[in-house]
Amino acid sequence: MVVRVFVDVIRVVAVVKAVAFVMTIVWEAVMVEVRVELVVADVVV
């Protein structure tokens, strides 16, 4: 019973870490896009 709870906890932690990892990648990508757009806007203006 304890082992099963332990496995469930590990599974939840793994899912949370995976989601956080994906969110970080998406956030970085968005920030890069915004930064590029700002640079382009500065150059154009």
N, C-alpha and C. Protein backbone atom coordinates (compact mmCIF):
# COMPACT_ATOMS: atom_id res chain seq x y z
N MET A 1 0.84 -1.19 0.00
CA MET A 1 0.00 0.00 0.00
C MET A 1 0.88 1.25 0.00
N VAL A 2 1.88 1.25 0.90
CA VAL A 2 2.78 2.41 0.98
C VAL A 2 3.55 2.57 -0.33
N VAL A 3 3.97 1.42 -0.90
CA VAL A 3 4.73 1.46 -2.16
C VAL A 3 3.89 2.09 -3.25
N ARG A 4 2.60 1.74 -3.28
CA ARG A 4 1.73 2.27 -4.32
C ARG A 4 1.59 3.79 -4.19
N VAL A 5 1.43 4.26 -2.97
CA VAL A 5 1.34 5.71 -2.74
C VAL A 5 2.63 6.38 -3.20
N PHE A 6 3.75 5.76 -2.87
CA PHE A 6 5.06 6.29 -3.25
C PHE A 6 5.17 6.41 -4.77
N VAL A 7 4.72 5.36 -5.47
CA VAL A 7 4.76 5.36 -6.94
C VAL A 7 3.86 6.46 -7.48
N ASP A 8 2.69 6.64 -6.88
CA ASP A 8 1.77 7.69 -7.32
C ASP A 8 2.43 9.06 -7.14
N VAL A 9 3.10 9.26 -6.02
CA VAL A 9 3.76 10.54 -5.75
C VAL A 9 4.84 10.79 -6.80
N ILE A 10 5.63 9.77 -7.09
CA ILE A 10 6.70 9.91 -8.10
C ILE A 10 6.07 10.26 -9.45
N ARG A 11 4.97 9.60 -9.77
CA ARG A 11 4.31 9.85 -11.05
C ARG A 11 3.83 11.30 -11.13
N VAL A 12 3.23 11.78 -10.06
CA VAL A 12 2.73 13.16 -10.03
C VAL A 12 3.90 14.14 -10.18
N VAL A 13 4.97 13.89 -9.45
CA VAL A 13 6.14 14.77 -9.53
C VAL A 13 6.70 14.77 -10.95
N ALA A 14 6.75 13.61 -11.57
CA ALA A 14 7.28 13.51 -12.94
C ALA A 14 6.41 14.32 -13.90
N VAL A 15 5.10 14.21 -13.75
CA VAL A 15 4.18 14.96 -14.62
C VAL A 15 4.36 16.46 -14.41
N VAL A 16 4.44 16.87 -13.16
CA VAL A 16 4.62 18.30 -12.85
C VAL A 16 5.92 18.81 -13.46
N LYS A 17 7.00 18.04 -13.32
CA LYS A 17 8.29 18.45 -13.87
C LYS A 17 8.21 18.53 -15.39
N ALA A 18 7.55 17.56 -16.01
CA ALA A 18 7.41 17.57 -17.48
C ALA A 18 6.65 18.80 -17.93
N VAL A 19 5.55 19.11 -17.25
CA VAL A 19 4.75 20.29 -17.60
C VAL A 19 5.57 21.56 -17.41
N ALA A 20 6.28 21.64 -16.29
CA ALA A 20 7.11 22.82 -16.02
C ALA A 20 8.19 22.96 -17.10
N PHE A 21 8.77 21.84 -17.52
CA PHE A 21 9.80 21.86 -18.56
C PHE A 21 9.24 22.39 -19.87
N VAL A 22 8.07 21.88 -20.26
CA VAL A 22 7.42 22.32 -21.50
C VAL A 22 7.08 23.80 -21.42
N MET A 23 6.53 24.22 -20.26
CA MET A 23 6.15 25.62 -20.09
C MET A 23 7.39 26.51 -20.19
N THR A 24 8.51 26.06 -19.64
CA THR A 24 9.75 26.84 -19.71
C THR A 24 10.19 27.00 -21.15
N ILE A 25 10.14 25.91 -21.92
CA ILE A 25 10.55 25.96 -23.32
C ILE A 25 9.63 26.92 -24.08
N VAL A 26 8.32 26.79 -23.86
CA VAL A 26 7.36 27.67 -24.54
C VAL A 26 7.62 29.12 -24.16
N TRP A 27 7.82 29.38 -22.86
CA TRP A 27 8.07 30.73 -22.38
C TRP A 27 9.32 31.31 -23.04
N GLU A 28 10.42 30.51 -23.07
CA GLU A 28 11.66 30.97 -23.70
C GLU A 28 11.42 31.30 -25.17
N ALA A 29 10.70 30.42 -25.86
CA ALA A 29 10.41 30.63 -27.28
C ALA A 29 9.62 31.93 -27.48
N VAL A 30 8.62 32.13 -26.63
CA VAL A 30 7.80 33.35 -26.73
C VAL A 30 8.66 34.58 -26.48
N MET A 31 9.51 34.52 -25.45
CA MET A 31 10.35 35.68 -25.12
C MET A 31 11.30 35.97 -26.28
N VAL A 32 11.86 34.94 -26.91
CA VAL A 32 12.75 35.13 -28.05
C VAL A 32 11.99 35.80 -29.19
N GLU A 33 10.77 35.32 -29.45
CA GLU A 33 9.94 35.91 -30.51
C GLU A 33 9.72 37.38 -30.23
N VAL A 34 9.33 37.70 -29.00
CA VAL A 34 9.05 39.09 -28.62
C VAL A 34 10.31 39.92 -28.78
N ARG A 35 11.43 39.39 -28.33
CA ARG A 35 12.70 40.12 -28.40
C ARG A 35 13.05 40.40 -29.87
N VAL A 36 12.89 39.39 -30.72
CA VAL A 36 13.19 39.55 -32.15
C VAL A 36 12.27 40.61 -32.74
N GLU A 37 10.99 40.57 -32.41
CA GLU A 37 10.04 41.54 -32.94
C GLU A 37 10.41 42.95 -32.48
N LEU A 38 10.83 43.08 -31.22
CA LEU A 38 11.22 44.39 -30.71
C LEU A 38 12.45 44.91 -31.46
N VAL A 39 13.43 44.03 -31.68
CA VAL A 39 14.63 44.42 -32.41
C VAL A 39 14.27 44.84 -33.83
N VAL A 40 13.44 44.04 -34.48
CA VAL A 40 13.02 44.35 -35.85
C VAL A 40 12.28 45.69 -35.87
N ALA A 41 11.40 45.90 -34.89
CA ALA A 41 10.65 47.14 -34.82
C ALA A 41 11.61 48.32 -34.66
N ASP A 42 12.63 48.16 -33.81
CA ASP A 42 13.62 49.23 -33.61
C ASP A 42 14.35 49.52 -34.92
N VAL A 43 14.74 48.47 -35.61
CA VAL A 43 15.49 48.64 -36.86
C VAL A 43 14.60 49.32 -37.89
N VAL A 44 13.35 48.87 -38.01
CA VAL A 44 12.43 49.43 -39.01
C VAL A 44 12.15 50.89 -38.68
N VAL A 45 11.89 51.18 -37.40
CA VAL A 45 11.59 52.55 -37.00
C VAL A 45 12.88 53.37 -37.03
